[in-house]
Structure formats: structure tokens, C-alpha cells
């Protein structure tokens, strides 16, 4: 596992969160969900299983919202956990 790849992954996630904050959860789209799922696969490749699990949870809750059956509160809860992980993992 290359440390640079891990750092790049965390940076991509941070950027996505910043963009989501600007757009708001009402603008969440299937492309976001698909991107989160790809990032979860990348996390597994980087041997970051916990990060992958967090990404999968956010993607699952986001998919429910996009398709009209989810609760924003659940999405925000899982997103907050993921963001906290990204922030802590990115500290040097």
C-alpha cells in the first residue's frame, strides 16, 4: 500500500464532502452514489476495510434518498462518521 495513494483517496473524499456541503443533500445524485461505491472498492484495494465499510454505508443511505425512500437523518449520520474518519486519517 502506497501512502501517497491513501493520501490521494482521502483528498478526493474531502473534496467530495466540500462539494456536497455547497450543493446540499437535495442535490445528491446517482453519480455521487456510484462514485462512493468506486471509492469503497479502492479502499479495499488499499487495505482500508473500515473506510470501505463507511463508504458503503453512506452510499447505501444515499441511494435510498436518491430513489425516494431514505431518510436524510440516516444519510447525515453515516456521512458525519465518514467525514470524521477522513479528517482523523488525514492528520499527520
PDB file of N, CA and C in Angstrom:
ATOM      1  N   UNK A   1       0.856  -1.176   0.000  1.00  0.00           N
ATOM      2  CA  UNK A   1       0.000   0.000   0.000  1.00  0.00           C
ATOM      3  C   UNK A   1       0.898   1.233   0.000  1.00  0.00           C
ATOM      4  N   UNK A   2       0.700   2.075  -0.958  1.00  0.00           N
ATOM      5  CA  UNK A   2       1.483   3.311  -1.046  1.00  0.00           C
ATOM      6  C   UNK A   2       0.784   4.406  -0.256  1.00  0.00           C
ATOM      7  N   UNK A   3       1.540   5.037   0.589  1.00  0.00           N
ATOM      8  CA  UNK A   3       0.994   6.104   1.421  1.00  0.00           C
ATOM      9  C   UNK A   3       0.423   7.230   0.572  1.00  0.00           C
ATOM     10  N   UNK A   4       1.046   7.489  -0.559  1.00  0.00           N
ATOM     11  CA  UNK A   4       0.567   8.542  -1.452  1.00  0.00           C
ATOM     12  C   UNK A   4      -0.832   8.225  -1.994  1.00  0.00           C
ATOM     13  N   UNK A   5      -1.103   6.966  -2.299  1.00  0.00           N
ATOM     14  CA  UNK A   5      -2.429   6.566  -2.783  1.00  0.00           C
ATOM     15  C   UNK A   5      -3.487   6.769  -1.702  1.00  0.00           C
ATOM     16  N   UNK A   6      -3.131   6.461  -0.463  1.00  0.00           N
ATOM     17  CA  UNK A   6      -4.055   6.662   0.659  1.00  0.00           C
ATOM     18  C   UNK A   6      -4.351   8.149   0.804  1.00  0.00           C
ATOM     19  N   UNK A   7      -3.308   8.954   0.769  1.00  0.00           N
ATOM     20  CA  UNK A   7      -3.480  10.406   0.895  1.00  0.00           C
ATOM     21  C   UNK A   7      -4.357  10.947  -0.233  1.00  0.00           C
ATOM     22  N   UNK A   8      -4.126  10.492  -1.460  1.00  0.00           N
ATOM     23  CA  UNK A   8      -4.934  10.930  -2.601  1.00  0.00           C
ATOM     24  C   UNK A   8      -6.399  10.552  -2.417  1.00  0.00           C
ATOM     25  N   UNK A   9      -6.637   9.363  -1.922  1.00  0.00           N
ATOM     26  CA  UNK A   9      -8.009   8.902  -1.679  1.00  0.00           C
ATOM     27  C   UNK A   9      -8.700   9.785  -0.646  1.00  0.00           C
ATOM     28  N   UNK A  10      -7.992  10.097   0.429  1.00  0.00           N
ATOM     29  CA  UNK A  10      -8.563  10.959   1.471  1.00  0.00           C
ATOM     30  C   UNK A  10      -8.837  12.356   0.936  1.00  0.00           C
ATOM     31  N   UNK A  11      -7.956  12.855   0.078  1.00  0.00           N
ATOM     32  CA  UNK A  11      -8.154  14.174  -0.529  1.00  0.00           C
ATOM     33  C   UNK A  11      -9.396  14.183  -1.423  1.00  0.00           C
ATOM     34  N   UNK A  12      -9.582  13.123  -2.202  1.00  0.00           N
ATOM     35  CA  UNK A  12     -10.778  13.031  -3.059  1.00  0.00           C
ATOM     36  C   UNK A  12     -12.048  13.049  -2.214  1.00  0.00           C
ATOM     37  N   UNK A  13     -12.026  12.321  -1.104  1.00  0.00           N
ATOM     38  CA  UNK A  13     -13.194  12.279  -0.230  1.00  0.00           C
ATOM     39  C   UNK A  13     -13.453  13.649   0.403  1.00  0.00           C
ATOM     40  N   UNK A  14     -12.396  14.306   0.838  1.00  0.00           N
ATOM     41  CA  UNK A  14     -12.541  15.642   1.419  1.00  0.00           C
ATOM     42  C   UNK A  14     -13.149  16.605   0.402  1.00  0.00           C
ATOM     43  N   UNK A  15     -12.679  16.544  -0.821  1.00  0.00           N
ATOM     44  CA  UNK A  15     -13.197  17.416  -1.881  1.00  0.00           C
ATOM     45  C   UNK A  15     -14.667  17.122  -2.156  1.00  0.00           C
ATOM     46  N   UNK A  16     -15.024  15.841  -2.162  1.00  0.00           N
ATOM     47  CA  UNK A  16     -16.416  15.470  -2.404  1.00  0.00           C
ATOM     48  C   UNK A  16     -17.309  16.031  -1.298  1.00  0.00           C
ATOM     49  N   UNK A  17     -16.852  15.930  -0.042  1.00  0.00           N
ATOM     50  CA  UNK A  17     -17.638  16.453   1.072  1.00  0.00           C
ATOM     51  C   UNK A  17     -17.827  17.957   0.956  1.00  0.00           C
ATOM     52  N   UNK A  18     -16.779  18.659   0.595  1.00  0.00           N
ATOM     53  CA  UNK A  18     -16.886  20.110   0.445  1.00  0.00           C
ATOM     54  C   UNK A  18     -17.894  20.459  -0.647  1.00  0.00           C
ATOM     55  N   UNK A  19     -17.843  19.733  -1.741  1.00  0.00           N
ATOM     56  CA  UNK A  19     -18.797  19.963  -2.826  1.00  0.00           C
ATOM     57  C   UNK A  19     -20.223  19.651  -2.379  1.00  0.00           C
ATOM     58  N   UNK A  20     -20.395  18.552  -1.639  1.00  0.00           N
ATOM     59  CA  UNK A  20     -21.731  18.178  -1.155  1.00  0.00           C
ATOM     60  C   UNK A  20     -22.281  19.236  -0.205  1.00  0.00           C
ATOM     61  N   UNK A  21     -21.423  19.793   0.630  1.00  0.00           N
ATOM     62  CA  UNK A  21     -21.872  20.845   1.540  1.00  0.00           C
ATOM     63  C   UNK A  21     -22.365  22.060   0.774  1.00  0.00           C
ATOM     64  N   UNK A  22     -21.701  22.380  -0.329  1.00  0.00           N
ATOM     65  CA  UNK A  22     -22.124  23.513  -1.148  1.00  0.00           C
ATOM     66  C   UNK A  22     -23.432  23.226  -1.881  1.00  0.00           C
ATOM     67  N   UNK A  23     -23.565  21.997  -2.389  1.00  0.00           N
ATOM     68  CA  UNK A  23     -24.767  21.621  -3.149  1.00  0.00           C
ATOM     69  C   UNK A  23     -25.945  21.313  -2.249  1.00  0.00           C
ATOM     70  N   UNK A  24     -25.686  20.677  -1.129  1.00  0.00           N
ATOM     71  CA  UNK A  24     -26.749  20.237  -0.236  1.00  0.00           C
ATOM     72  C   UNK A  24     -27.195  18.830  -0.595  1.00  0.00           C
ATOM     73  N   UNK A  25     -27.757  18.142   0.370  1.00  0.00           N
ATOM     74  CA  UNK A  25     -28.167  16.748   0.156  1.00  0.00           C
ATOM     75  C   UNK A  25     -29.317  16.631  -0.837  1.00  0.00           C
ATOM     76  N   UNK A  26     -30.059  17.702  -1.039  1.00  0.00           N
ATOM     77  CA  UNK A  26     -31.151  17.659  -2.013  1.00  0.00           C
ATOM     78  C   UNK A  26     -30.608  17.485  -3.428  1.00  0.00           C
ATOM     79  N   UNK A  27     -29.339  17.827  -3.640  1.00  0.00           N
ATOM     80  CA  UNK A  27     -28.718  17.707  -4.954  1.00  0.00           C
ATOM     81  C   UNK A  27     -27.924  16.410  -5.110  1.00  0.00           C
ATOM     82  N   UNK A  28     -28.050  15.501  -4.144  1.00  0.00           N
ATOM     83  CA  UNK A  28     -27.377  14.207  -4.225  1.00  0.00           C
ATOM     84  C   UNK A  28     -27.904  13.460  -5.440  1.00  0.00           C
ATOM     85  N   UNK A  29     -27.003  12.859  -6.208  1.00  0.00           N
ATOM     86  CA  UNK A  29     -27.394  12.182  -7.445  1.00  0.00           C
ATOM     87  C   UNK A  29     -26.812  10.770  -7.488  1.00  0.00           C
ATOM     88  N   UNK A  30     -27.327   9.974  -8.408  1.00  0.00           N
ATOM     89  CA  UNK A  30     -26.824   8.614  -8.565  1.00  0.00           C
ATOM     90  C   UNK A  30     -25.335   8.603  -8.907  1.00  0.00           C
ATOM     91  N   UNK A  31     -24.859   9.612  -9.613  1.00  0.00           N
ATOM     92  CA  UNK A  31     -23.426   9.662  -9.935  1.00  0.00           C
ATOM     93  C   UNK A  31     -22.596   9.771  -8.659  1.00  0.00           C
ATOM     94  N   UNK A  32     -23.118  10.452  -7.637  1.00  0.00           N
ATOM     95  CA  UNK A  32     -22.419  10.524  -6.349  1.00  0.00           C
ATOM     96  C   UNK A  32     -22.358   9.145  -5.702  1.00  0.00           C
ATOM     97  N   UNK A  33     -23.458   8.436  -5.761  1.00  0.00           N
ATOM     98  CA  UNK A  33     -23.528   7.110  -5.149  1.00  0.00           C
ATOM     99  C   UNK A  33     -22.560   6.158  -5.846  1.00  0.00           C
ATOM    100  N   UNK A  34     -22.571   6.192  -7.160  1.00  0.00           N
ATOM    101  CA  UNK A  34     -21.665   5.336  -7.927  1.00  0.00           C
ATOM    102  C   UNK A  34     -20.214   5.680  -7.631  1.00  0.00           C
ATOM    103  N   UNK A  35     -19.908   6.960  -7.486  1.00  0.00           N
ATOM    104  CA  UNK A  35     -18.554   7.388  -7.154  1.00  0.00           C
ATOM    105  C   UNK A  35     -18.155   6.866  -5.770  1.00  0.00           C
ATOM    106  N   UNK A  36     -19.075   6.960  -4.791  1.00  0.00           N
ATOM    107  CA  UNK A  36     -18.794   6.449  -3.446  1.00  0.00           C
ATOM    108  C   UNK A  36     -18.531   4.947  -3.475  1.00  0.00           C
ATOM    109  N   UNK A  37     -19.286   4.229  -4.284  1.00  0.00           N
ATOM    110  CA  UNK A  37     -19.091   2.782  -4.397  1.00  0.00           C
ATOM    111  C   UNK A  37     -17.726   2.461  -5.007  1.00  0.00           C
ATOM    112  N   UNK A  38     -17.300   3.237  -5.990  1.00  0.00           N
ATOM    113  CA  UNK A  38     -15.967   3.036  -6.575  1.00  0.00           C
ATOM    114  C   UNK A  38     -14.876   3.347  -5.545  1.00  0.00           C
ATOM    115  N   UNK A  39     -15.096   4.386  -4.757  1.00  0.00           N
ATOM    116  CA  UNK A  39     -14.137   4.724  -3.710  1.00  0.00           C
ATOM    117  C   UNK A  39     -14.075   3.625  -2.649  1.00  0.00           C
ATOM    118  N   UNK A  40     -15.200   2.985  -2.374  1.00  0.00           N
ATOM    119  CA  UNK A  40     -15.220   1.866  -1.418  1.00  0.00           C
ATOM    120  C   UNK A  40     -14.382   0.707  -1.954  1.00  0.00           C
ATOM    121  N   UNK A  41     -14.488   0.440  -3.253  1.00  0.00           N
ATOM    122  CA  UNK A  41     -13.668  -0.608  -3.871  1.00  0.00           C
ATOM    123  C   UNK A  41     -12.188  -0.250  -3.803  1.00  0.00           C
ATOM    124  N   UNK A  42     -11.877   1.006  -4.042  1.00  0.00           N
ATOM    125  CA  UNK A  42     -10.494   1.474  -3.970  1.00  0.00           C
ATOM    126  C   UNK A  42      -9.953   1.334  -2.550  1.00  0.00           C
ATOM    127  N   UNK A  43     -10.786   1.623  -1.555  1.00  0.00           N
ATOM    128  CA  UNK A  43     -10.370   1.494  -0.157  1.00  0.00           C
ATOM    129  C   UNK A  43     -10.024   0.045   0.172  1.00  0.00           C
ATOM    130  N   UNK A  44     -10.788  -0.893  -0.359  1.00  0.00           N
ATOM    131  CA  UNK A  44     -10.468  -2.309  -0.147  1.00  0.00           C
ATOM    132  C   UNK A  44      -9.118  -2.632  -0.777  1.00  0.00           C
ATOM    133  N   UNK A  45      -8.906  -2.131  -1.975  1.00  0.00           N
ATOM    134  CA  UNK A  45      -7.636  -2.361  -2.660  1.00  0.00           C
ATOM    135  C   UNK A  45      -6.461  -1.814  -1.848  1.00  0.00           C
ATOM    136  N   UNK A  46      -6.696  -0.708  -1.160  1.00  0.00           N
ATOM    137  CA  UNK A  46      -5.663  -0.089  -0.328  1.00  0.00           C
ATOM    138  C   UNK A  46      -5.611  -0.695   1.077  1.00  0.00           C
ATOM    139  N   UNK A  47      -6.371  -1.762   1.296  1.00  0.00           N
ATOM    140  CA  UNK A  47      -6.434  -2.473   2.579  1.00  0.00           C
ATOM    141  C   UNK A  47      -6.974  -1.584   3.700  1.00  0.00           C
ATOM    142  N   UNK A  48      -7.958  -0.775   3.356  1.00  0.00           N
ATOM    143  CA  UNK A  48      -8.609   0.105   4.330  1.00  0.00           C
ATOM    144  C   UNK A  48     -10.075  -0.328   4.444  1.00  0.00           C
ATOM    145  N   UNK A  49     -10.263  -1.482   5.071  1.00  0.00           N
ATOM    146  CA  UNK A  49     -11.587  -2.089   5.126  1.00  0.00           C
ATOM    147  C   UNK A  49     -12.603  -1.248   5.893  1.00  0.00           C
ATOM    148  N   UNK A  50     -12.165  -0.604   6.974  1.00  0.00           N
ATOM    149  CA  UNK A  50     -13.107   0.210   7.739  1.00  0.00           C
ATOM    150  C   UNK A  50     -13.590   1.399   6.913  1.00  0.00           C
ATOM    151  N   UNK A  51     -12.668   2.031   6.202  1.00  0.00           N
ATOM    152  CA  UNK A  51     -13.060   3.131   5.315  1.00  0.00           C
ATOM    153  C   UNK A  51     -14.039   2.625   4.259  1.00  0.00           C
ATOM    154  N   UNK A  52     -13.772   1.464   3.710  1.00  0.00           N
ATOM    155  CA  UNK A  52     -14.670   0.887   2.711  1.00  0.00           C
ATOM    156  C   UNK A  52     -16.071   0.674   3.290  1.00  0.00           C
ATOM    157  N   UNK A  53     -16.134   0.158   4.512  1.00  0.00           N
ATOM    158  CA  UNK A  53     -17.432  -0.075   5.156  1.00  0.00           C
ATOM    159  C   UNK A  53     -18.180   1.241   5.357  1.00  0.00           C
ATOM    160  N   UNK A  54     -17.467   2.278   5.773  1.00  0.00           N
ATOM    161  CA  UNK A  54     -18.105   3.586   5.956  1.00  0.00           C
ATOM    162  C   UNK A  54     -18.631   4.125   4.626  1.00  0.00           C
ATOM    163  N   UNK A  55     -17.826   3.994   3.581  1.00  0.00           N
ATOM    164  CA  UNK A  55     -18.249   4.450   2.250  1.00  0.00           C
ATOM    165  C   UNK A  55     -19.480   3.686   1.773  1.00  0.00           C
ATOM    166  N   UNK A  56     -19.501   2.398   2.006  1.00  0.00           N
ATOM    167  CA  UNK A  56     -20.651   1.588   1.594  1.00  0.00           C
ATOM    168  C   UNK A  56     -21.918   1.999   2.336  1.00  0.00           C
ATOM    169  N   UNK A  57     -21.783   2.322   3.618  1.00  0.00           N
ATOM    170  CA  UNK A  57     -22.947   2.773   4.393  1.00  0.00           C
ATOM    171  C   UNK A  57     -23.485   4.090   3.854  1.00  0.00           C
ATOM    172  N   UNK A  58     -22.595   5.029   3.577  1.00  0.00           N
ATOM    173  CA  UNK A  58     -23.016   6.326   3.029  1.00  0.00           C
ATOM    174  C   UNK A  58     -23.671   6.125   1.665  1.00  0.00           C
ATOM    175  N   UNK A  59     -23.073   5.285   0.840  1.00  0.00           N
ATOM    176  CA  UNK A  59     -23.630   5.022  -0.487  1.00  0.00           C
ATOM    177  C   UNK A  59     -25.016   4.390  -0.381  1.00  0.00           C
ATOM    178  N   UNK A  60     -25.183   3.443   0.524  1.00  0.00           N
ATOM    179  CA  UNK A  60     -26.478   2.769   0.682  1.00  0.00           C
ATOM    180  C   UNK A  60     -27.558   3.758   1.132  1.00  0.00           C
ATOM    181  N   UNK A  61     -27.235   4.602   2.103  1.00  0.00           N
ATOM    182  CA  UNK A  61     -28.214   5.586   2.576  1.00  0.00           C
ATOM    183  C   UNK A  61     -28.472   6.640   1.504  1.00  0.00           C
ATOM    184  N   UNK A  62     -27.428   7.028   0.792  1.00  0.00           N
ATOM    185  CA  UNK A  62     -27.591   7.995  -0.287  1.00  0.00           C
ATOM    186  C   UNK A  62     -28.466   7.457  -1.403  1.00  0.00           C
ATOM    187  N   UNK A  63     -28.291   6.189  -1.730  1.00  0.00           N
ATOM    188  CA  UNK A  63     -29.110   5.566  -2.775  1.00  0.00           C
ATOM    189  C   UNK A  63     -30.592   5.595  -2.372  1.00  0.00           C
ATOM    190  N   UNK A  64     -30.862   5.337  -1.100  1.00  0.00           N
ATOM    191  CA  UNK A  64     -32.255   5.381  -0.619  1.00  0.00           C
ATOM    192  C   UNK A  64     -32.838   6.781  -0.789  1.00  0.00           C
ATOM    193  N   UNK A  65     -32.040   7.792  -0.494  1.00  0.00           N
ATOM    194  CA  UNK A  65     -32.517   9.176  -0.625  1.00  0.00           C
ATOM    195  C   UNK A  65     -32.794   9.506  -2.088  1.00  0.00           C
ATOM    196  N   UNK A  66     -31.845   9.168  -2.944  1.00  0.00           N
ATOM    197  CA  UNK A  66     -31.975   9.491  -4.369  1.00  0.00           C
ATOM    198  C   UNK A  66     -33.201   8.801  -4.967  1.00  0.00           C
ATOM    199  N   UNK A  67     -33.445   7.575  -4.535  1.00  0.00           N
ATOM    200  CA  UNK A  67     -34.579   6.822  -5.082  1.00  0.00           C
ATOM    201  C   UNK A  67     -35.897   7.127  -4.366  1.00  0.00           C
ATOM    202  N   UNK A  68     -35.839   7.985  -3.358  1.00  0.00           N
ATOM    203  CA  UNK A  68     -37.057   8.472  -2.726  1.00  0.00           C
ATOM    204  C   UNK A  68     -37.527   7.723  -1.495  1.00  0.00           C
ATOM    205  N   UNK A  69     -36.734   6.803  -0.963  1.00  0.00           N
ATOM    206  CA  UNK A  69     -37.200   6.050   0.196  1.00  0.00           C
ATOM    207  C   UNK A  69     -36.360   6.212   1.433  1.00  0.00           C
ATOM    208  N   UNK A  70     -35.366   7.064   1.384  1.00  0.00           N
ATOM    209  CA  UNK A  70     -34.452   7.178   2.512  1.00  0.00           C
ATOM    210  C   UNK A  70     -34.740   8.370   3.404  1.00  0.00           C
ATOM    211  N   UNK A  71     -34.097   8.344   4.552  1.00  0.00           N
ATOM    212  CA  UNK A  71     -34.218   9.444   5.492  1.00  0.00           C
ATOM    213  C   UNK A  71     -32.897  10.214   5.519  1.00  0.00           C
ATOM    214  N   UNK A  72     -33.003  11.500   5.346  1.00  0.00           N
ATOM    215  CA  UNK A  72     -31.814  12.349   5.314  1.00  0.00           C
ATOM    216  C   UNK A  72     -31.016  12.232   6.608  1.00  0.00           C
ATOM    217  N   UNK A  73     -31.695  12.023   7.722  1.00  0.00           N
ATOM    218  CA  UNK A  73     -31.030  11.907   9.015  1.00  0.00           C
ATOM    219  C   UNK A  73     -30.042  10.731   9.024  1.00  0.00           C
ATOM    220  N   UNK A  74     -30.427   9.602   8.446  1.00  0.00           N
ATOM    221  CA  UNK A  74     -29.532   8.441   8.394  1.00  0.00           C
ATOM    222  C   UNK A  74     -28.330   8.723   7.501  1.00  0.00           C
ATOM    223  N   UNK A  75     -28.593   9.358   6.375  1.00  0.00           N
ATOM    224  CA  UNK A  75     -27.504   9.711   5.461  1.00  0.00           C
ATOM    225  C   UNK A  75     -26.529  10.654   6.152  1.00  0.00           C
ATOM    226  N   UNK A  76     -27.029  11.658   6.835  1.00  0.00           N
ATOM    227  CA  UNK A  76     -26.164  12.620   7.514  1.00  0.00           C
ATOM    228  C   UNK A  76     -25.365  11.970   8.636  1.00  0.00           C
ATOM    229  N   UNK A  77     -25.975  11.030   9.346  1.00  0.00           N
ATOM    230  CA  UNK A  77     -25.268  10.318  10.408  1.00  0.00           C
ATOM    231  C   UNK A  77     -24.069   9.565   9.840  1.00  0.00           C
ATOM    232  N   UNK A  78     -24.310   8.767   8.804  1.00  0.00           N
ATOM    233  CA  UNK A  78     -23.232   7.975   8.210  1.00  0.00           C
ATOM    234  C   UNK A  78     -22.203   8.875   7.519  1.00  0.00           C
ATOM    235  N   UNK A  79     -22.657   9.938   6.900  1.00  0.00           N
ATOM    236  CA  UNK A  79     -21.742  10.878   6.262  1.00  0.00           C
ATOM    237  C   UNK A  79     -20.842  11.547   7.298  1.00  0.00           C
ATOM    238  N   UNK A  80     -21.406  11.882   8.435  1.00  0.00           N
ATOM    239  CA  UNK A  80     -20.619  12.508   9.501  1.00  0.00           C
ATOM    240  C   UNK A  80     -19.545  11.564  10.017  1.00  0.00           C
ATOM    241  N   UNK A  81     -19.901  10.304  10.183  1.00  0.00           N
ATOM    242  CA  UNK A  81     -18.903   9.310  10.619  1.00  0.00           C
ATOM    243  C   UNK A  81     -17.780   9.192   9.597  1.00  0.00           C
ATOM    244  N   UNK A  82     -18.157   9.143   8.337  1.00  0.00           N
ATOM    245  CA  UNK A  82     -17.153   9.046   7.275  1.00  0.00           C
ATOM    246  C   UNK A  82     -16.265  10.283   7.266  1.00  0.00           C
ATOM    247  N   UNK A  83     -16.863  11.458   7.380  1.00  0.00           N
ATOM    248  CA  UNK A  83     -16.082  12.694   7.362  1.00  0.00           C
ATOM    249  C   UNK A  83     -15.117  12.746   8.543  1.00  0.00           C
ATOM    250  N   UNK A  84     -15.575  12.332   9.721  1.00  0.00           N
ATOM    251  CA  UNK A  84     -14.697  12.316  10.892  1.00  0.00           C
ATOM    252  C   UNK A  84     -13.512  11.383  10.669  1.00  0.00           C
ATOM    253  N   UNK A  85     -13.788  10.227  10.076  1.00  0.00           N
ATOM    254  CA  UNK A  85     -12.709   9.279   9.781  1.00  0.00           C
ATOM    255  C   UNK A  85     -11.705   9.894   8.811  1.00  0.00           C
ATOM    256  N   UNK A  86     -12.217  10.510   7.768  1.00  0.00           N
ATOM    257  CA  UNK A  86     -11.340  11.128   6.769  1.00  0.00           C
ATOM    258  C   UNK A  86     -10.483  12.219   7.399  1.00  0.00           C
ATOM    259  N   UNK A  87     -11.084  13.025   8.264  1.00  0.00           N
ATOM    260  CA  UNK A  87     -10.340  14.090   8.929  1.00  0.00           C
ATOM    261  C   UNK A  87      -9.251  13.517   9.826  1.00  0.00           C
ATOM    262  N   UNK A  88      -9.594  12.502  10.616  1.00  0.00           N
ATOM    263  CA  UNK A  88      -8.610  11.920  11.533  1.00  0.00           C
ATOM    264  C   UNK A  88      -7.499  11.187  10.775  1.00  0.00           C
ATOM    265  N   UNK A  89      -7.870  10.476   9.739  1.00  0.00           N
ATOM    266  CA  UNK A  89      -6.881   9.721   8.962  1.00  0.00           C
ATOM    267  C   UNK A  89      -5.934  10.656   8.212  1.00  0.00           C
ATOM    268  N   UNK A  90      -6.413  11.836   7.873  1.00  0.00           N
ATOM    269  CA  UNK A  90      -5.600  12.782   7.120  1.00  0.00           C
ATOM    270  C   UNK A  90      -4.651  13.604   7.958  1.00  0.00           C
ATOM    271  N   UNK A  91      -4.793  13.511   9.289  1.00  0.00           N
ATOM    272  CA  UNK A  91      -3.896  14.265  10.153  1.00  0.00           C
ATOM    273  C   UNK A  91      -2.522  13.623  10.169  1.00  0.00           C
ATOM    274  N   UNK A  92      -1.538  14.452  10.200  1.00  0.00           N
ATOM    275  CA  UNK A  92      -0.153  13.930  10.208  1.00  0.00           C
ATOM    276  C   UNK A  92       0.513  14.181  11.497  1.00  0.00           C
TER     277      UNK A  92
END
